[in-house]
Amino acid sequence: MLQTITKIPQQKHNNTKEINMARTKKQPVEFVMPTNPKEIQQIENAVKEASNSLIRIESERDLIKEIKEVLLEELGLPAKKTQELIKIYHKQNYSEVVGKFEETSELYEKVFGANP
């Protein structure tokens, strides 16, 4: 029989040291070889589902790679720039990216002057 893992409610901690200490006190779960056919089937199904998920991830990565190659070949857009655009669009964080760039630009100008 497999042991059921119960989720322990999160407690608020005052500092990082307390959090790390709480993590080290966690009791390890002992694995017991399953003998129940239902549990064995559950494990098999979970592994197959995870494997199928990995196949989908690999396929999506291949598609993204092909998209980058097409943009490079047809438009000359470097893969690095394409990846940056994809990432910004996906995260929908254009304003944040611009803000970080402006902050870095301002710091650069203060340290090295406006004309590098």
N, C-alpha and C. Protein backbone atom coordinates (compact mmCIF):
# COMPACT_ATOMS: atom_id res chain seq x y z
N MET A 1 0.82 -1.18 0.00
CA MET A 1 0.00 0.00 0.00
C MET A 1 0.87 1.25 0.00
N LEU A 2 0.43 2.27 -0.73
CA LEU A 2 1.13 3.54 -0.73
C LEU A 2 0.62 4.40 0.41
N GLN A 3 1.51 5.18 0.99
CA GLN A 3 1.09 6.09 2.03
C GLN A 3 0.50 7.34 1.40
N THR A 4 -0.50 7.89 2.02
CA THR A 4 -1.09 9.13 1.55
C THR A 4 -0.29 10.29 2.12
N ILE A 5 0.07 11.21 1.25
CA ILE A 5 0.81 12.39 1.69
C ILE A 5 -0.22 13.48 1.99
N THR A 6 -0.21 13.96 3.22
CA THR A 6 -1.13 15.03 3.58
C THR A 6 -0.39 16.35 3.55
N LYS A 7 -1.07 17.37 3.09
CA LYS A 7 -0.46 18.69 3.02
C LYS A 7 -0.61 19.37 4.36
N ILE A 8 0.50 19.84 4.90
CA ILE A 8 0.51 20.52 6.18
C ILE A 8 0.25 22.00 5.93
N PRO A 9 -0.68 22.64 6.68
CA PRO A 9 -0.96 24.06 6.45
C PRO A 9 0.29 24.91 6.65
N GLN A 10 0.43 25.91 5.80
CA GLN A 10 1.58 26.81 5.87
C GLN A 10 1.48 27.68 7.12
N GLN A 11 2.60 27.84 7.81
CA GLN A 11 2.65 28.74 8.95
C GLN A 11 3.44 29.97 8.56
N LYS A 12 3.07 31.12 9.14
CA LYS A 12 3.82 32.34 8.87
C LYS A 12 5.11 32.30 9.66
N HIS A 13 6.21 32.71 9.01
CA HIS A 13 7.52 32.71 9.65
C HIS A 13 8.05 34.13 9.69
N ASN A 14 8.83 34.42 10.73
CA ASN A 14 9.36 35.76 10.90
C ASN A 14 10.61 36.02 10.09
N ASN A 15 11.36 34.98 9.78
CA ASN A 15 12.59 35.21 9.04
C ASN A 15 12.98 33.96 8.24
N THR A 16 13.99 34.14 7.40
CA THR A 16 14.45 33.05 6.54
C THR A 16 14.99 31.88 7.35
N LYS A 17 15.71 32.16 8.44
CA LYS A 17 16.27 31.10 9.26
C LYS A 17 15.16 30.19 9.79
N GLU A 18 14.07 30.81 10.22
CA GLU A 18 12.94 30.04 10.73
C GLU A 18 12.34 29.17 9.63
N ILE A 19 12.26 29.70 8.42
CA ILE A 19 11.72 28.94 7.29
C ILE A 19 12.62 27.75 7.01
N ASN A 20 13.93 27.97 6.95
CA ASN A 20 14.86 26.88 6.68
C ASN A 20 14.81 25.82 7.76
N MET A 21 14.66 26.23 9.01
CA MET A 21 14.57 25.27 10.10
C MET A 21 13.28 24.46 9.97
N ALA A 22 12.20 25.10 9.56
CA ALA A 22 10.93 24.39 9.39
C ALA A 22 11.05 23.35 8.29
N ARG A 23 11.77 23.66 7.25
CA ARG A 23 11.95 22.71 6.15
C ARG A 23 12.77 21.50 6.57
N THR A 24 13.77 21.71 7.38
CA THR A 24 14.61 20.59 7.78
C THR A 24 13.89 19.64 8.73
N LYS A 25 12.84 20.10 9.40
CA LYS A 25 12.10 19.26 10.34
C LYS A 25 11.10 18.37 9.63
N LYS A 26 10.93 18.54 8.35
CA LYS A 26 9.95 17.77 7.59
C LYS A 26 10.35 16.28 7.61
N GLN A 27 9.39 15.45 7.93
CA GLN A 27 9.65 14.02 8.01
C GLN A 27 9.64 13.42 6.60
N PRO A 28 10.62 12.59 6.29
CA PRO A 28 10.63 11.96 4.97
C PRO A 28 9.50 10.94 4.86
N VAL A 29 8.96 10.84 3.65
CA VAL A 29 7.90 9.87 3.38
C VAL A 29 8.56 8.58 2.94
N GLU A 30 8.20 7.51 3.58
CA GLU A 30 8.79 6.22 3.26
C GLU A 30 8.03 5.59 2.10
N PHE A 31 8.77 5.14 1.10
CA PHE A 31 8.16 4.46 -0.04
C PHE A 31 7.96 3.00 0.29
N VAL A 32 6.76 2.53 0.04
CA VAL A 32 6.44 1.12 0.25
C VAL A 32 6.05 0.56 -1.11
N MET A 33 6.72 -0.50 -1.53
CA MET A 33 6.44 -1.11 -2.83
C MET A 33 4.95 -1.48 -2.92
N PRO A 34 4.26 -0.96 -3.92
CA PRO A 34 2.83 -1.24 -4.02
C PRO A 34 2.55 -2.69 -4.40
N THR A 35 1.49 -3.23 -3.83
CA THR A 35 1.06 -4.59 -4.18
C THR A 35 -0.37 -4.56 -4.70
N ASN A 36 -1.09 -3.52 -4.38
CA ASN A 36 -2.46 -3.37 -4.79
C ASN A 36 -2.51 -3.03 -6.28
N PRO A 37 -3.20 -3.81 -7.10
CA PRO A 37 -3.27 -3.54 -8.55
C PRO A 37 -3.79 -2.14 -8.89
N LYS A 38 -4.72 -1.63 -8.08
CA LYS A 38 -5.26 -0.28 -8.32
C LYS A 38 -4.16 0.78 -8.16
N GLU A 39 -3.33 0.65 -7.15
CA GLU A 39 -2.24 1.59 -6.91
C GLU A 39 -1.17 1.47 -8.00
N ILE A 40 -0.88 0.24 -8.41
CA ILE A 40 0.10 0.03 -9.49
C ILE A 40 -0.41 0.70 -10.76
N GLN A 41 -1.69 0.53 -11.06
CA GLN A 41 -2.27 1.15 -12.24
C GLN A 41 -2.24 2.68 -12.13
N GLN A 42 -2.46 3.20 -10.93
CA GLN A 42 -2.42 4.65 -10.71
C GLN A 42 -1.02 5.20 -11.01
N ILE A 43 0.01 4.49 -10.56
CA ILE A 43 1.38 4.91 -10.84
C ILE A 43 1.66 4.86 -12.33
N GLU A 44 1.26 3.76 -12.97
CA GLU A 44 1.48 3.63 -14.42
C GLU A 44 0.80 4.76 -15.18
N ASN A 45 -0.44 5.05 -14.84
CA ASN A 45 -1.18 6.12 -15.51
C ASN A 45 -0.51 7.48 -15.31
N ALA A 46 -0.04 7.74 -14.10
CA ALA A 46 0.61 9.02 -13.81
C ALA A 46 1.90 9.17 -14.60
N VAL A 47 2.68 8.10 -14.67
CA VAL A 47 3.95 8.15 -15.41
C VAL A 47 3.69 8.36 -16.90
N LYS A 48 2.68 7.66 -17.44
CA LYS A 48 2.35 7.83 -18.85
C LYS A 48 1.86 9.24 -19.14
N GLU A 49 1.04 9.79 -18.24
CA GLU A 49 0.55 11.16 -18.43
C GLU A 49 1.70 12.17 -18.40
N ALA A 50 2.63 11.99 -17.47
CA ALA A 50 3.78 12.88 -17.39
C ALA A 50 4.66 12.75 -18.64
N SER A 51 4.83 11.54 -19.13
CA SER A 51 5.61 11.31 -20.34
C SER A 51 4.95 12.00 -21.53
N ASN A 52 3.65 11.88 -21.64
CA ASN A 52 2.93 12.56 -22.73
C ASN A 52 3.08 14.08 -22.62
N SER A 53 3.09 14.58 -21.42
CA SER A 53 3.31 16.01 -21.21
C SER A 53 4.69 16.42 -21.70
N LEU A 54 5.70 15.62 -21.41
CA LEU A 54 7.06 15.91 -21.88
C LEU A 54 7.13 15.89 -23.41
N ILE A 55 6.40 14.99 -24.03
CA ILE A 55 6.36 14.94 -25.50
C ILE A 55 5.78 16.24 -26.04
N ARG A 56 4.69 16.72 -25.42
CA ARG A 56 4.09 17.98 -25.86
C ARG A 56 5.05 19.15 -25.68
N ILE A 57 5.76 19.17 -24.56
CA ILE A 57 6.74 20.23 -24.31
C ILE A 57 7.83 20.22 -25.39
N GLU A 58 8.35 19.05 -25.71
CA GLU A 58 9.38 18.93 -26.75
C GLU A 58 8.85 19.42 -28.10
N SER A 59 7.61 19.07 -28.41
CA SER A 59 7.01 19.49 -29.67
C SER A 59 6.86 21.01 -29.73
N GLU A 60 6.43 21.61 -28.64
CA GLU A 60 6.27 23.06 -28.60
C GLU A 60 7.62 23.76 -28.72
N ARG A 61 8.64 23.21 -28.09
CA ARG A 61 9.98 23.80 -28.22
C ARG A 61 10.48 23.72 -29.66
N ASP A 62 10.21 22.58 -30.32
CA ASP A 62 10.59 22.44 -31.73
C ASP A 62 9.86 23.47 -32.58
N LEU A 63 8.58 23.70 -32.30
CA LEU A 63 7.80 24.68 -33.06
C LEU A 63 8.38 26.08 -32.87
N ILE A 64 8.70 26.45 -31.64
CA ILE A 64 9.30 27.76 -31.38
C ILE A 64 10.61 27.91 -32.13
N LYS A 65 11.42 26.86 -32.13
CA LYS A 65 12.70 26.88 -32.85
C LYS A 65 12.46 27.11 -34.35
N GLU A 66 11.47 26.42 -34.91
CA GLU A 66 11.15 26.58 -36.33
C GLU A 66 10.67 28.00 -36.63
N ILE A 67 9.87 28.58 -35.75
CA ILE A 67 9.39 29.95 -35.93
C ILE A 67 10.58 30.91 -35.97
N LYS A 68 11.52 30.74 -35.06
CA LYS A 68 12.71 31.60 -35.03
C LYS A 68 13.52 31.46 -36.32
N GLU A 69 13.65 30.22 -36.80
CA GLU A 69 14.41 29.98 -38.03
C GLU A 69 13.74 30.66 -39.23
N VAL A 70 12.42 30.59 -39.31
CA VAL A 70 11.69 31.23 -40.41
C VAL A 70 11.89 32.74 -40.37
N LEU A 71 11.76 33.34 -39.20
CA LEU A 71 11.94 34.79 -39.09
C LEU A 71 13.37 35.21 -39.42
N LEU A 72 14.33 34.38 -39.08
CA LEU A 72 15.72 34.68 -39.42
C LEU A 72 15.94 34.58 -40.93
N GLU A 73 15.46 33.49 -41.53
CA GLU A 73 15.67 33.27 -42.95
C GLU A 73 14.91 34.26 -43.82
N GLU A 74 13.65 34.53 -43.48
CA GLU A 74 12.81 35.37 -44.33
C GLU A 74 12.94 36.86 -44.04
N LEU A 75 13.21 37.24 -42.79
CA LEU A 75 13.25 38.65 -42.43
C LEU A 75 14.58 39.11 -41.86
N GLY A 76 15.48 38.17 -41.61
CA GLY A 76 16.77 38.53 -41.04
C GLY A 76 16.71 38.85 -39.55
N LEU A 77 15.59 38.54 -38.90
CA LEU A 77 15.45 38.83 -37.47
C LEU A 77 16.22 37.78 -36.66
N PRO A 78 17.26 38.21 -35.94
CA PRO A 78 18.06 37.25 -35.16
C PRO A 78 17.21 36.50 -34.13
N ALA A 79 17.55 35.25 -33.90
CA ALA A 79 16.82 34.40 -32.97
C ALA A 79 16.77 35.00 -31.57
N LYS A 80 17.84 35.67 -31.16
CA LYS A 80 17.89 36.27 -29.83
C LYS A 80 16.83 37.37 -29.70
N LYS A 81 16.69 38.20 -30.73
CA LYS A 81 15.68 39.26 -30.71
C LYS A 81 14.27 38.67 -30.74
N THR A 82 14.10 37.63 -31.52
CA THR A 82 12.80 36.97 -31.59
C THR A 82 12.43 36.43 -30.22
N GLN A 83 13.38 35.79 -29.55
CA GLN A 83 13.14 35.24 -28.21
C GLN A 83 12.77 36.34 -27.23
N GLU A 84 13.45 37.48 -27.31
CA GLU A 84 13.12 38.60 -26.43
C GLU A 84 11.68 39.06 -26.65
N LEU A 85 11.29 39.20 -27.92
CA LEU A 85 9.92 39.63 -28.24
C LEU A 85 8.90 38.61 -27.74
N ILE A 86 9.19 37.34 -27.97
CA ILE A 86 8.28 36.27 -27.52
C ILE A 86 8.10 36.33 -26.01
N LYS A 87 9.21 36.47 -25.31
CA LYS A 87 9.18 36.48 -23.84
C LYS A 87 8.37 37.67 -23.32
N ILE A 88 8.62 38.85 -23.87
CA ILE A 88 7.89 40.04 -23.43
C ILE A 88 6.40 39.89 -23.74
N TYR A 89 6.09 39.43 -24.94
CA TYR A 89 4.69 39.27 -25.31
C TYR A 89 4.01 38.23 -24.42
N HIS A 90 4.68 37.13 -24.17
CA HIS A 90 4.10 36.06 -23.36
C HIS A 90 3.84 36.53 -21.93
N LYS A 91 4.81 37.22 -21.35
CA LYS A 91 4.66 37.67 -19.96
C LYS A 91 3.83 38.94 -19.85
N GLN A 92 3.59 39.59 -21.00
CA GLN A 92 2.84 40.85 -21.02
C GLN A 92 3.44 41.85 -20.03
N ASN A 93 4.78 42.00 -20.09
CA ASN A 93 5.47 42.87 -19.14
C ASN A 93 6.31 43.94 -19.86
N TYR A 94 5.80 44.45 -20.96
CA TYR A 94 6.54 45.44 -21.75
C TYR A 94 6.92 46.64 -20.89
N SER A 95 5.97 47.18 -20.12
CA SER A 95 6.24 48.36 -19.29
C SER A 95 7.36 48.09 -18.29
N GLU A 96 7.35 46.91 -17.71
CA GLU A 96 8.40 46.54 -16.75
C GLU A 96 9.77 46.47 -17.43
N VAL A 97 9.81 45.89 -18.62
CA VAL A 97 11.06 45.77 -19.36
C VAL A 97 11.60 47.15 -19.71
N VAL A 98 10.70 48.02 -20.19
CA VAL A 98 11.11 49.39 -20.54
C VAL A 98 11.60 50.12 -19.31
N GLY A 99 10.90 49.96 -18.19
CA GLY A 99 11.31 50.62 -16.94
C GLY A 99 12.69 50.19 -16.49
N LYS A 100 12.97 48.90 -16.58
CA LYS A 100 14.30 48.40 -16.19
C LYS A 100 15.37 48.95 -17.12
N PHE A 101 15.05 49.00 -18.42
CA PHE A 101 16.01 49.52 -19.38
C PHE A 101 16.29 50.99 -19.12
N GLU A 102 15.24 51.77 -18.84
CA GLU A 102 15.42 53.19 -18.57
C GLU A 102 16.26 53.40 -17.32
N GLU A 103 16.03 52.60 -16.30
CA GLU A 103 16.81 52.71 -15.07
C GLU A 103 18.28 52.40 -15.33
N THR A 104 18.53 51.34 -16.11
CA THR A 104 19.91 50.98 -16.45
C THR A 104 20.55 52.06 -17.31
N SER A 105 19.79 52.62 -18.26
CA SER A 105 20.30 53.68 -19.12
C SER A 105 20.67 54.91 -18.30
N GLU A 106 19.79 55.26 -17.34
CA GLU A 106 20.06 56.42 -16.49
C GLU A 106 21.32 56.21 -15.67
N LEU A 107 21.47 55.02 -15.11
CA LEU A 107 22.67 54.71 -14.33
C LEU A 107 23.92 54.78 -15.20
N TYR A 108 23.83 54.21 -16.40
CA TYR A 108 24.97 54.23 -17.32
C TYR A 108 25.39 55.66 -17.63
N GLU A 109 24.41 56.52 -17.92
CA GLU A 109 24.70 57.92 -18.24
C GLU A 109 25.34 58.63 -17.07
N LYS A 110 24.89 58.35 -15.84
CA LYS A 110 25.48 58.99 -14.65
C LYS A 110 26.92 58.53 -14.44
N VAL A 111 27.18 57.27 -14.69
CA VAL A 111 28.51 56.72 -14.44
C VAL A 111 29.48 57.06 -15.57
N PHE A 112 29.03 56.94 -16.83
CA PHE A 112 29.94 57.07 -17.96
C PHE A 112 29.68 58.29 -18.84
N GLY A 113 28.64 59.03 -18.56
CA GLY A 113 28.30 60.17 -19.39
C GLY A 113 27.34 59.77 -20.51
N ALA A 114 26.74 60.77 -21.11
CA ALA A 114 25.72 60.51 -22.14
C ALA A 114 26.32 59.93 -23.41
N ASN A 115 27.55 60.27 -23.73
CA ASN A 115 28.19 59.78 -24.96
C ASN A 115 29.26 58.73 -24.61
N PRO A 116 28.91 57.46 -24.79
CA PRO A 116 29.90 56.42 -24.45
C PRO A 116 31.11 56.42 -25.37
